[in-house]
Structures are given as C-alpha cells and as structure tokens.
Amino acid sequence: CDVTTWLITNKCVDDPQWVTNGYCRSSCYDAGRGYANEVCCPPPTPSSSCTECSDDATPWMENNAKTCATSPSSIETNCNENGWWVSNAYCQLSCFAAGRGYEGIDC
C-alpha cells in the first residue's frame, strides 16, 4: 500500500468496498484519509508508548447490536470511571478518542 499513491488518494474512505474491507489501513491513515474511529500507531520503537487499541464492545452492546462507536452515551458515562469497563478494557479506542482513555494506555 505504501507505493500506490493513486489508490490512497482515490480510494481509502471514498470507496465503499475499501471501507468495508479496511484496505491499506495504515497507509490511508498516514495520508490523512483513515477510516472512521480508527487510529493507527507508527511502527513500534523501543521508546514508543503508543498502543494498538481495541474497540471491544461490552456484552450488553453485543446483545443489543450496538458498538462502541454507536454508543456515545455509554462512552460518556463509563470508560475510565467504571471499574468493570477498566478491568475488561471495553471500548479502548472510543474512550481514548473521547478523552476518557484508560490510565497508561496511549492509543
């Protein structure tokens, strides 16, 4: 993906098939055309503190066809303030993006 400038410029978030399949995630992100609610970390270095965060929904969300991205009220009221969420690292990426990330985790 790093050598396909035309594809990155013309596909990424503009092509529904690319969005569905998440093609060239890192290259699209690096070009400022990343997929919604995704943050890509640079290649790891010994001093890198960036973590590839998951966005795992709670069991309730899964049972009710919800995701972290479609549950802003849950993000606002839980994340780093709910011990159960913290111990299970639910919605890591969404919490981080909302400024409510988990202690010691930099997505």
PDB file of N, CA and C in Angstrom:
ATOM      1  N   CYS A   1       0.806  -1.201   0.000  1.00  0.00           N
ATOM      2  CA  CYS A   1       0.000   0.000   0.000  1.00  0.00           C
ATOM      3  C   CYS A   1       0.850   1.267   0.000  1.00  0.00           C
ATOM      4  N   ASP A   2       2.068   1.185   0.488  1.00  0.00           N
ATOM      5  CA  ASP A   2       2.906   2.380   0.577  1.00  0.00           C
ATOM      6  C   ASP A   2       3.285   2.958  -0.778  1.00  0.00           C
ATOM      7  N   VAL A   3       3.230   2.168  -1.849  1.00  0.00           N
ATOM      8  CA  VAL A   3       3.670   2.657  -3.159  1.00  0.00           C
ATOM      9  C   VAL A   3       2.506   2.932  -4.111  1.00  0.00           C
ATOM     10  N   THR A   4       1.299   2.833  -3.649  1.00  0.00           N
ATOM     11  CA  THR A   4       0.137   3.034  -4.511  1.00  0.00           C
ATOM     12  C   THR A   4      -0.529   4.372  -4.208  1.00  0.00           C
ATOM     13  N   THR A   5       0.156   5.456  -4.510  1.00  0.00           N
ATOM     14  CA  THR A   5      -0.332   6.791  -4.202  1.00  0.00           C
ATOM     15  C   THR A   5      -1.706   7.055  -4.803  1.00  0.00           C
ATOM     16  N   TRP A   6      -1.918   6.660  -6.052  1.00  0.00           N
ATOM     17  CA  TRP A   6      -3.199   6.908  -6.694  1.00  0.00           C
ATOM     18  C   TRP A   6      -4.326   6.235  -5.923  1.00  0.00           C
ATOM     19  N   LEU A   7      -4.110   4.989  -5.514  1.00  0.00           N
ATOM     20  CA  LEU A   7      -5.154   4.269  -4.779  1.00  0.00           C
ATOM     21  C   LEU A   7      -5.457   4.951  -3.448  1.00  0.00           C
ATOM     22  N   ILE A   8      -4.415   5.349  -2.744  1.00  0.00           N
ATOM     23  CA  ILE A   8      -4.617   6.002  -1.453  1.00  0.00           C
ATOM     24  C   ILE A   8      -5.380   7.319  -1.650  1.00  0.00           C
ATOM     25  N   THR A   9      -5.016   8.070  -2.669  1.00  0.00           N
ATOM     26  CA  THR A   9      -5.655   9.355  -2.944  1.00  0.00           C
ATOM     27  C   THR A   9      -7.102   9.196  -3.396  1.00  0.00           C
ATOM     28  N   ASN A  10      -7.399   8.133  -4.121  1.00  0.00           N
ATOM     29  CA  ASN A  10      -8.714   7.993  -4.744  1.00  0.00           C
ATOM     30  C   ASN A  10      -9.625   6.925  -4.125  1.00  0.00           C
ATOM     31  N   LYS A  11      -9.114   6.133  -3.225  1.00  0.00           N
ATOM     32  CA  LYS A  11      -9.941   5.071  -2.641  1.00  0.00           C
ATOM     33  C   LYS A  11     -10.165   5.338  -1.152  1.00  0.00           C
ATOM     34  N   CYS A  12      -9.363   4.731  -0.302  1.00  0.00           N
ATOM     35  CA  CYS A  12      -9.475   4.859   1.159  1.00  0.00           C
ATOM     36  C   CYS A  12     -10.919   5.059   1.601  1.00  0.00           C
ATOM     37  N   VAL A  13     -11.255   6.231   2.098  1.00  0.00           N
ATOM     38  CA  VAL A  13     -12.590   6.471   2.654  1.00  0.00           C
ATOM     39  C   VAL A  13     -13.639   6.780   1.599  1.00  0.00           C
ATOM     40  N   ASP A  14     -13.234   6.862   0.318  1.00  0.00           N
ATOM     41  CA  ASP A  14     -14.179   7.193  -0.750  1.00  0.00           C
ATOM     42  C   ASP A  14     -14.796   5.968  -1.427  1.00  0.00           C
ATOM     43  N   ASP A  15     -14.220   4.809  -1.230  1.00  0.00           N
ATOM     44  CA  ASP A  15     -14.686   3.608  -1.909  1.00  0.00           C
ATOM     45  C   ASP A  15     -15.335   2.682  -0.876  1.00  0.00           C
ATOM     46  N   PRO A  16     -16.643   2.433  -0.993  1.00  0.00           N
ATOM     47  CA  PRO A  16     -17.335   1.592  -0.007  1.00  0.00           C
ATOM     48  C   PRO A  16     -16.695   0.218   0.199  1.00  0.00           C
ATOM     49  N   GLN A  17     -16.165  -0.376  -0.861  1.00  0.00           N
ATOM     50  CA  GLN A  17     -15.524  -1.689  -0.714  1.00  0.00           C
ATOM     51  C   GLN A  17     -14.257  -1.569   0.128  1.00  0.00           C
ATOM     52  N   TRP A  18     -13.513  -0.498  -0.071  1.00  0.00           N
ATOM     53  CA  TRP A  18     -12.307  -0.276   0.738  1.00  0.00           C
ATOM     54  C   TRP A  18     -12.684  -0.083   2.201  1.00  0.00           C
ATOM     55  N   VAL A  19     -13.737   0.687   2.442  1.00  0.00           N
ATOM     56  CA  VAL A  19     -14.168   0.947   3.814  1.00  0.00           C
ATOM     57  C   VAL A  19     -14.602  -0.363   4.472  1.00  0.00           C
ATOM     58  N   THR A  20     -15.416  -1.146   3.782  1.00  0.00           N
ATOM     59  CA  THR A  20     -15.904  -2.416   4.322  1.00  0.00           C
ATOM     60  C   THR A  20     -14.772  -3.368   4.661  1.00  0.00           C
ATOM     61  N   ASN A  21     -13.765  -3.443   3.774  1.00  0.00           N
ATOM     62  CA  ASN A  21     -12.668  -4.397   3.957  1.00  0.00           C
ATOM     63  C   ASN A  21     -11.456  -3.816   4.670  1.00  0.00           C
ATOM     64  N   GLY A  22     -11.448  -2.499   4.861  1.00  0.00           N
ATOM     65  CA  GLY A  22     -10.339  -1.875   5.584  1.00  0.00           C
ATOM     66  C   GLY A  22      -9.007  -1.961   4.874  1.00  0.00           C
ATOM     67  N   TYR A  23      -9.021  -1.854   3.544  1.00  0.00           N
ATOM     68  CA  TYR A  23      -7.780  -1.958   2.783  1.00  0.00           C
ATOM     69  C   TYR A  23      -6.801  -0.850   3.162  1.00  0.00           C
ATOM     70  N   CYS A  24      -5.537  -1.176   3.208  1.00  0.00           N
ATOM     71  CA  CYS A  24      -4.436  -0.213   3.394  1.00  0.00           C
ATOM     72  C   CYS A  24      -4.668   0.716   4.585  1.00  0.00           C
ATOM     73  N   ARG A  25      -5.110   0.170   5.682  1.00  0.00           N
ATOM     74  CA  ARG A  25      -5.453   0.969   6.866  1.00  0.00           C
ATOM     75  C   ARG A  25      -4.361   1.965   7.240  1.00  0.00           C
ATOM     76  N   SER A  26      -3.159   1.476   7.419  1.00  0.00           N
ATOM     77  CA  SER A  26      -2.066   2.335   7.868  1.00  0.00           C
ATOM     78  C   SER A  26      -1.725   3.406   6.836  1.00  0.00           C
ATOM     79  N   SER A  27      -1.658   3.023   5.580  1.00  0.00           N
ATOM     80  CA  SER A  27      -1.329   3.991   4.525  1.00  0.00           C
ATOM     81  C   SER A  27      -2.414   5.052   4.393  1.00  0.00           C
ATOM     82  N   CYS A  28      -3.670   4.653   4.484  1.00  0.00           N
ATOM     83  CA  CYS A  28      -4.766   5.620   4.424  1.00  0.00           C
ATOM     84  C   CYS A  28      -4.690   6.571   5.610  1.00  0.00           C
ATOM     85  N   TYR A  29      -4.436   6.032   6.788  1.00  0.00           N
ATOM     86  CA  TYR A  29      -4.331   6.859   7.990  1.00  0.00           C
ATOM     87  C   TYR A  29      -3.174   7.849   7.863  1.00  0.00           C
ATOM     88  N   ASP A  30      -2.020   7.349   7.436  1.00  0.00           N
ATOM     89  CA  ASP A  30      -0.836   8.204   7.288  1.00  0.00           C
ATOM     90  C   ASP A  30      -1.067   9.329   6.280  1.00  0.00           C
ATOM     91  N   ALA A  31      -1.926   9.088   5.291  1.00  0.00           N
ATOM     92  CA  ALA A  31      -2.215  10.097   4.262  1.00  0.00           C
ATOM     93  C   ALA A  31      -3.349  11.038   4.694  1.00  0.00           C
ATOM     94  N   GLY A  32      -3.834  10.875   5.925  1.00  0.00           N
ATOM     95  CA  GLY A  32      -4.924  11.716   6.399  1.00  0.00           C
ATOM     96  C   GLY A  32      -6.280  11.295   5.876  1.00  0.00           C
ATOM     97  N   ARG A  33      -6.379  10.040   5.416  1.00  0.00           N
ATOM     98  CA  ARG A  33      -7.619   9.524   4.846  1.00  0.00           C
ATOM     99  C   ARG A  33      -8.032   8.232   5.552  1.00  0.00           C
ATOM    100  N   GLY A  34      -7.772   8.185   6.867  1.00  0.00           N
ATOM    101  CA  GLY A  34      -8.053   6.982   7.644  1.00  0.00           C
ATOM    102  C   GLY A  34      -9.534   6.706   7.814  1.00  0.00           C
ATOM    103  N   TYR A  35      -9.836   5.488   8.179  1.00  0.00           N
ATOM    104  CA  TYR A  35     -11.213   5.058   8.380  1.00  0.00           C
ATOM    105  C   TYR A  35     -11.765   5.631   9.688  1.00  0.00           C
ATOM    106  N   ALA A  36     -13.070   5.828   9.736  1.00  0.00           N
ATOM    107  CA  ALA A  36     -13.734   6.420  10.899  1.00  0.00           C
ATOM    108  C   ALA A  36     -13.406   5.648  12.175  1.00  0.00           C
ATOM    109  N   ASN A  37     -13.140   6.385  13.220  1.00  0.00           N
ATOM    110  CA  ASN A  37     -12.884   5.829  14.554  1.00  0.00           C
ATOM    111  C   ASN A  37     -11.677   4.914  14.623  1.00  0.00           C
ATOM    112  N   GLU A  38     -10.725   5.093  13.726  1.00  0.00           N
ATOM    113  CA  GLU A  38      -9.501   4.296  13.781  1.00  0.00           C
ATOM    114  C   GLU A  38      -8.304   5.212  13.939  1.00  0.00           C
ATOM    115  N   VAL A  39      -7.407   4.799  14.808  1.00  0.00           N
ATOM    116  CA  VAL A  39      -6.147   5.497  14.989  1.00  0.00           C
ATOM    117  C   VAL A  39      -5.053   4.462  14.829  1.00  0.00           C
ATOM    118  N   CYS A  40      -4.155   4.689  13.912  1.00  0.00           N
ATOM    119  CA  CYS A  40      -3.057   3.751  13.674  1.00  0.00           C
ATOM    120  C   CYS A  40      -1.798   4.254  14.375  1.00  0.00           C
ATOM    121  N   CYS A  41      -1.081   3.353  14.963  1.00  0.00           N
ATOM    122  CA  CYS A  41       0.170   3.695  15.621  1.00  0.00           C
ATOM    123  C   CYS A  41       1.315   3.590  14.630  1.00  0.00           C
ATOM    124  N   PRO A  42       2.364   4.389  14.828  1.00  0.00           N
ATOM    125  CA  PRO A  42       3.548   4.242  13.986  1.00  0.00           C
ATOM    126  C   PRO A  42       4.217   2.904  14.288  1.00  0.00           C
ATOM    127  N   PRO A  43       5.138   2.456  13.424  1.00  0.00           N
ATOM    128  CA  PRO A  43       5.842   1.214  13.722  1.00  0.00           C
ATOM    129  C   PRO A  43       6.477   1.302  15.107  1.00  0.00           C
ATOM    130  N   PRO A  44       6.423   0.227  15.880  1.00  0.00           N
ATOM    131  CA  PRO A  44       6.935   0.288  17.246  1.00  0.00           C
ATOM    132  C   PRO A  44       8.432   0.558  17.284  1.00  0.00           C
ATOM    133  N   THR A  45       8.817   1.344  18.251  1.00  0.00           N
ATOM    134  CA  THR A  45      10.224   1.606  18.530  1.00  0.00           C
ATOM    135  C   THR A  45      10.435   1.310  20.007  1.00  0.00           C
ATOM    136  N   PRO A  46      11.668   1.166  20.428  1.00  0.00           N
ATOM    137  CA  PRO A  46      11.888   0.864  21.851  1.00  0.00           C
ATOM    138  C   PRO A  46      11.285   1.906  22.784  1.00  0.00           C
ATOM    139  N   SER A  47      11.166   3.156  22.339  1.00  0.00           N
ATOM    140  CA  SER A  47      10.630   4.191  23.221  1.00  0.00           C
ATOM    141  C   SER A  47       9.170   4.524  22.932  1.00  0.00           C
ATOM    142  N   SER A  48       8.546   3.809  22.005  1.00  0.00           N
ATOM    143  CA  SER A  48       7.168   4.100  21.630  1.00  0.00           C
ATOM    144  C   SER A  48       6.212   3.739  22.758  1.00  0.00           C
ATOM    145  N   SER A  49       5.285   4.647  23.061  1.00  0.00           N
ATOM    146  CA  SER A  49       4.298   4.366  24.098  1.00  0.00           C
ATOM    147  C   SER A  49       2.907   4.187  23.503  1.00  0.00           C
ATOM    148  N   CYS A  50       2.813   4.164  22.190  1.00  0.00           N
ATOM    149  CA  CYS A  50       1.526   4.020  21.522  1.00  0.00           C
ATOM    150  C   CYS A  50       1.084   2.557  21.532  1.00  0.00           C
ATOM    151  N   THR A  51      -0.188   2.342  21.826  1.00  0.00           N
ATOM    152  CA  THR A  51      -0.764   1.005  21.875  1.00  0.00           C
ATOM    153  C   THR A  51      -1.819   0.881  20.786  1.00  0.00           C
ATOM    154  N   GLU A  52      -1.815  -0.224  20.058  1.00  0.00           N
ATOM    155  CA  GLU A  52      -2.901  -0.504  19.115  1.00  0.00           C
ATOM    156  C   GLU A  52      -4.106  -0.888  19.964  1.00  0.00           C
ATOM    157  N   CYS A  53      -5.045   0.012  20.065  1.00  0.00           N
ATOM    158  CA  CYS A  53      -6.190  -0.209  20.942  1.00  0.00           C
ATOM    159  C   CYS A  53      -7.316  -0.960  20.238  1.00  0.00           C
ATOM    160  N   SER A  54      -7.988  -1.777  21.013  1.00  0.00           N
ATOM    161  CA  SER A  54      -9.166  -2.474  20.503  1.00  0.00           C
ATOM    162  C   SER A  54     -10.380  -1.572  20.744  1.00  0.00           C
ATOM    163  N   ASP A  55     -11.484  -1.946  20.196  1.00  0.00           N
ATOM    164  CA  ASP A  55     -12.731  -1.244  20.446  1.00  0.00           C
ATOM    165  C   ASP A  55     -13.798  -2.287  20.746  1.00  0.00           C
ATOM    166  N   ASP A  56     -13.465  -3.183  21.680  1.00  0.00           N
ATOM    167  CA  ASP A  56     -14.357  -4.287  22.027  1.00  0.00           C
ATOM    168  C   ASP A  56     -15.564  -3.796  22.813  1.00  0.00           C
ATOM    169  N   ALA A  57     -16.727  -4.146  22.311  1.00  0.00           N
ATOM    170  CA  ALA A  57     -17.981  -3.756  22.949  1.00  0.00           C
ATOM    171  C   ALA A  57     -18.240  -4.600  24.191  1.00  0.00           C
ATOM    172  N   THR A  58     -19.072  -4.079  25.071  1.00  0.00           N
ATOM    173  CA  THR A  58     -19.489  -4.847  26.246  1.00  0.00           C
ATOM    174  C   THR A  58     -20.456  -5.946  25.792  1.00  0.00           C
ATOM    175  N   PRO A  59     -20.648  -6.972  26.619  1.00  0.00           N
ATOM    176  CA  PRO A  59     -21.633  -7.999  26.265  1.00  0.00           C
ATOM    177  C   PRO A  59     -23.031  -7.412  26.020  1.00  0.00           C
ATOM    178  N   TRP A  60     -23.430  -6.426  26.819  1.00  0.00           N
ATOM    179  CA  TRP A  60     -24.732  -5.796  26.605  1.00  0.00           C
ATOM    180  C   TRP A  60     -24.802  -5.162  25.223  1.00  0.00           C
ATOM    181  N   MET A  61     -23.758  -4.452  24.831  1.00  0.00           N
ATOM    182  CA  MET A  61     -23.739  -3.834  23.499  1.00  0.00           C
ATOM    183  C   MET A  61     -23.888  -4.902  22.415  1.00  0.00           C
ATOM    184  N   GLU A  62     -23.110  -5.967  22.537  1.00  0.00           N
ATOM    185  CA  GLU A  62     -23.173  -7.039  21.540  1.00  0.00           C
ATOM    186  C   GLU A  62     -24.565  -7.651  21.463  1.00  0.00           C
ATOM    187  N   ASN A  63     -25.183  -7.890  22.614  1.00  0.00           N
ATOM    188  CA  ASN A  63     -26.523  -8.488  22.643  1.00  0.00           C
ATOM    189  C   ASN A  63     -27.601  -7.562  22.087  1.00  0.00           C
ATOM    190  N   ASN A  64     -27.297  -6.266  22.031  1.00  0.00           N
ATOM    191  CA  ASN A  64     -28.270  -5.289  21.550  1.00  0.00           C
ATOM    192  C   ASN A  64     -27.838  -4.641  20.242  1.00  0.00           C
ATOM    193  N   ALA A  65     -26.959  -5.337  19.499  1.00  0.00           N
ATOM    194  CA  ALA A  65     -26.495  -4.885  18.184  1.00  0.00           C
ATOM    195  C   ALA A  65     -25.919  -3.463  18.227  1.00  0.00           C
ATOM    196  N   LYS A  66     -25.177  -3.159  19.286  1.00  0.00           N
ATOM    197  CA  LYS A  66     -24.531  -1.859  19.445  1.00  0.00           C
ATOM    198  C   LYS A  66     -23.014  -2.039  19.323  1.00  0.00           C
ATOM    199  N   THR A  67     -22.334  -0.951  19.027  1.00  0.00           N
ATOM    200  CA  THR A  67     -20.878  -0.932  19.027  1.00  0.00           C
ATOM    201  C   THR A  67     -20.433   0.234  19.895  1.00  0.00           C
ATOM    202  N   CYS A  68     -19.153   0.298  20.154  1.00  0.00           N
ATOM    203  CA  CYS A  68     -18.624   1.429  20.917  1.00  0.00           C
ATOM    204  C   CYS A  68     -18.873   2.726  20.161  1.00  0.00           C
ATOM    205  N   ALA A  69     -18.697   2.683  18.850  1.00  0.00           N
ATOM    206  CA  ALA A  69     -18.867   3.880  18.026  1.00  0.00           C
ATOM    207  C   ALA A  69     -20.307   4.363  17.975  1.00  0.00           C
ATOM    208  N   THR A  70     -21.265   3.457  18.179  1.00  0.00           N
ATOM    209  CA  THR A  70     -22.672   3.859  18.122  1.00  0.00           C
ATOM    210  C   THR A  70     -23.290   4.019  19.509  1.00  0.00           C
ATOM    211  N   SER A  71     -22.450   4.093  20.535  1.00  0.00           N
ATOM    212  CA  SER A  71     -22.945   4.202  21.907  1.00  0.00           C
ATOM    213  C   SER A  71     -22.291   5.364  22.654  1.00  0.00           C
ATOM    214  N   PRO A  72     -22.449   6.589  22.149  1.00  0.00           N
ATOM    215  CA  PRO A  72     -21.764   7.718  22.790  1.00  0.00           C
ATOM    216  C   PRO A  72     -22.172   7.945  24.248  1.00  0.00           C
ATOM    217  N   SER A  73     -23.418   7.664  24.598  1.00  0.00           N
ATOM    218  CA  SER A  73     -23.823   7.874  25.993  1.00  0.00           C
ATOM    219  C   SER A  73     -23.100   6.898  26.921  1.00  0.00           C
ATOM    220  N   SER A  74     -22.847   5.691  26.443  1.00  0.00           N
ATOM    221  CA  SER A  74     -22.088   4.733  27.250  1.00  0.00           C
ATOM    222  C   SER A  74     -20.642   5.192  27.413  1.00  0.00           C
ATOM    223  N   ILE A  75     -20.081   5.749  26.356  1.00  0.00           N
ATOM    224  CA  ILE A  75     -18.710   6.261  26.420  1.00  0.00           C
ATOM    225  C   ILE A  75     -18.639   7.418  27.421  1.00  0.00           C
ATOM    226  N   GLU A  76     -19.627   8.295  27.392  1.00  0.00           N
ATOM    227  CA  GLU A  76     -19.651   9.467  28.275  1.00  0.00           C
ATOM    228  C   GLU A  76     -19.787   9.096  29.752  1.00  0.00           C
ATOM    229  N   THR A  77     -20.447   7.972  30.041  1.00  0.00           N
ATOM    230  CA  THR A  77     -20.728   7.639  31.442  1.00  0.00           C
ATOM    231  C   THR A  77     -19.884   6.496  31.990  1.00  0.00           C
ATOM    232  N   ASN A  78     -19.084   5.863  31.176  1.00  0.00           N
ATOM    233  CA  ASN A  78     -18.324   4.709  31.660  1.00  0.00           C
ATOM    234  C   ASN A  78     -16.823   4.910  31.470  1.00  0.00           C
ATOM    235  N   CYS A  79     -16.231   4.222  30.536  1.00  0.00           N
ATOM    236  CA  CYS A  79     -14.787   4.302  30.247  1.00  0.00           C
ATOM    237  C   CYS A  79     -13.965   4.207  31.525  1.00  0.00           C
ATOM    238  N   ASN A  80     -13.149   5.233  31.782  1.00  0.00           N
ATOM    239  CA  ASN A  80     -12.215   5.180  32.914  1.00  0.00           C
ATOM    240  C   ASN A  80     -12.869   5.404  34.274  1.00  0.00           C
ATOM    241  N   GLU A  81     -14.194   5.567  34.315  1.00  0.00           N
ATOM    242  CA  GLU A  81     -14.903   5.756  35.579  1.00  0.00           C
ATOM    243  C   GLU A  81     -15.649   4.503  36.028  1.00  0.00           C
ATOM    244  N   ASN A  82     -15.616   3.463  35.220  1.00  0.00           N
ATOM    245  CA  ASN A  82     -16.349   2.242  35.533  1.00  0.00           C
ATOM    246  C   ASN A  82     -15.330   1.109  35.690  1.00  0.00           C
ATOM    247  N   GLY A  83     -15.198   0.594  36.889  1.00  0.00           N
ATOM    248  CA  GLY A  83     -14.211  -0.444  37.181  1.00  0.00           C
ATOM    249  C   GLY A  83     -14.342  -1.673  36.303  1.00  0.00           C
ATOM    250  N   TRP A  84     -15.572  -2.055  35.979  1.00  0.00           N
ATOM    251  CA  TRP A  84     -15.801  -3.226  35.123  1.00  0.00           C
ATOM    252  C   TRP A  84     -15.273  -2.955  33.724  1.00  0.00           C
ATOM    253  N   TRP A  85     -15.526  -1.746  33.212  1.00  0.00           N
ATOM    254  CA  TRP A  85     -15.006  -1.368  31.897  1.00  0.00           C
ATOM    255  C   TRP A  85     -13.481  -1.349  31.920  1.00  0.00           C
ATOM    256  N   VAL A  86     -12.915  -0.763  32.957  1.00  0.00           N
ATOM    257  CA  VAL A  86     -11.452  -0.665  33.060  1.00  0.00           C
ATOM    258  C   VAL A  86     -10.832  -2.056  33.090  1.00  0.00           C
ATOM    259  N   SER A  87     -11.361  -2.947  33.922  1.00  0.00           N
ATOM    260  CA  SER A  87     -10.756  -4.281  34.052  1.00  0.00           C
ATOM    261  C   SER A  87     -10.888  -5.106  32.776  1.00  0.00           C
ATOM    262  N   ASN A  88     -11.877  -4.796  31.936  1.00  0.00           N
ATOM    263  CA  ASN A  88     -12.062  -5.529  30.683  1.00  0.00           C
ATOM    264  C   ASN A  88     -11.613  -4.733  29.459  1.00  0.00           C
ATOM    265  N   ALA A  89     -11.164  -3.499  29.680  1.00  0.00           N
ATOM    266  CA  ALA A  89     -10.700  -2.602  28.611  1.00  0.00           C
ATOM    267  C   ALA A  89     -11.728  -2.469  27.489  1.00  0.00           C
ATOM    268  N   TYR A  90     -12.989  -2.319  27.866  1.00  0.00           N
ATOM    269  CA  TYR A  90     -14.034  -2.157  26.864  1.00  0.00           C
ATOM    270  C   TYR A  90     -13.867  -0.817  26.136  1.00  0.00           C
ATOM    271  N   CYS A  91     -14.141  -0.820  24.848  1.00  0.00           N
ATOM    272  CA  CYS A  91     -14.171   0.401  24.025  1.00  0.00           C
ATOM    273  C   CYS A  91     -12.904   1.245  24.173  1.00  0.00           C
ATOM    274  N   GLN A  92     -11.751   0.592  24.249  1.00  0.00           N
ATOM    275  CA  GLN A  92     -10.485   1.297  24.445  1.00  0.00           C
ATOM    276  C   GLN A  92     -10.313   2.477  23.494  1.00  0.00           C
ATOM    277  N   LEU A  93     -10.468   2.221  22.207  1.00  0.00           N
ATOM    278  CA  LEU A  93     -10.225   3.258  21.206  1.00  0.00           C
ATOM    279  C   LEU A  93     -11.249   4.387  21.303  1.00  0.00           C
ATOM    280  N   SER A  94     -12.516   4.060  21.443  1.00  0.00           N
ATOM    281  CA  SER A  94     -13.552   5.088  21.552  1.00  0.00           C
ATOM    282  C   SER A  94     -13.377   5.921  22.815  1.00  0.00           C
ATOM    283  N   CYS A  95     -13.005   5.275  23.910  1.00  0.00           N
ATOM    284  CA  CYS A  95     -12.767   6.010  25.153  1.00  0.00           C
ATOM    285  C   CYS A  95     -11.586   6.963  24.986  1.00  0.00           C
ATOM    286  N   PHE A  96     -10.509   6.485  24.392  1.00  0.00           N
ATOM    287  CA  PHE A  96      -9.335   7.325  24.168  1.00  0.00           C
ATOM    288  C   PHE A  96      -9.689   8.517  23.287  1.00  0.00           C
ATOM    289  N   ALA A  97     -10.422   8.265  22.206  1.00  0.00           N
ATOM    290  CA  ALA A  97     -10.789   9.328  21.271  1.00  0.00           C
ATOM    291  C   ALA A  97     -11.690  10.372  21.942  1.00  0.00           C
ATOM    292  N   ALA A  98     -12.452   9.961  22.952  1.00  0.00           N
ATOM    293  CA  ALA A  98     -13.348  10.871  23.668  1.00  0.00           C
ATOM    294  C   ALA A  98     -12.648  11.574  24.828  1.00  0.00           C
ATOM    295  N   GLY A  99     -11.351  11.326  24.995  1.00  0.00           N
ATOM    296  CA  GLY A  99     -10.615  11.944  26.094  1.00  0.00           C
ATOM    297  C   GLY A  99     -10.870  11.270  27.427  1.00  0.00           C
ATOM    298  N   ARG A 100     -11.341  10.025  27.390  1.00  0.00           N
ATOM    299  CA  ARG A 100     -11.668   9.281  28.598  1.00  0.00           C
ATOM    300  C   ARG A 100     -10.938   7.944  28.634  1.00  0.00           C
ATOM    301  N   GLY A 101      -9.720   7.947  28.080  1.00  0.00           N
ATOM    302  CA  GLY A 101      -8.946   6.716  27.945  1.00  0.00           C
ATOM    303  C   GLY A 101      -8.503   6.135  29.283  1.00  0.00           C
ATOM    304  N   TYR A 102      -8.044   4.911  29.196  1.00  0.00           N
ATOM    305  CA  TYR A 102      -7.598   4.191  30.374  1.00  0.00           C
ATOM    306  C   TYR A 102      -6.181   4.607  30.768  1.00  0.00           C
ATOM    307  N   GLU A 103      -5.930   4.651  32.053  1.00  0.00           N
ATOM    308  CA  GLU A 103      -4.633   5.083  32.569  1.00  0.00           C
ATOM    309  C   GLU A 103      -3.498   4.222  31.997  1.00  0.00           C
ATOM    310  N   GLY A 104      -2.475   4.901  31.510  1.00  0.00           N
ATOM    311  CA  GLY A 104      -1.303   4.211  30.978  1.00  0.00           C
ATOM    312  C   GLY A 104      -1.450   3.719  29.549  1.00  0.00           C
ATOM    313  N   ILE A 105      -2.609   3.923  28.930  1.00  0.00           N
ATOM    314  CA  ILE A 105      -2.841   3.474  27.551  1.00  0.00           C
ATOM    315  C   ILE A 105      -2.917   4.694  26.645  1.00  0.00           C
ATOM    316  N   ASP A 106      -2.016   4.741  25.677  1.00  0.00           N
ATOM    317  CA  ASP A 106      -1.975   5.829  24.702  1.00  0.00           C
ATOM    318  C   ASP A 106      -2.214   5.209  23.334  1.00  0.00           C
ATOM    319  N   CYS A 107      -3.423   5.346  22.819  1.00  0.00           N
ATOM    320  CA  CYS A 107      -3.775   4.725  21.536  1.00  0.00           C
ATOM    321  C   CYS A 107      -3.161   5.469  20.366  1.00  0.00           C
TER     322      CYS A 107
END
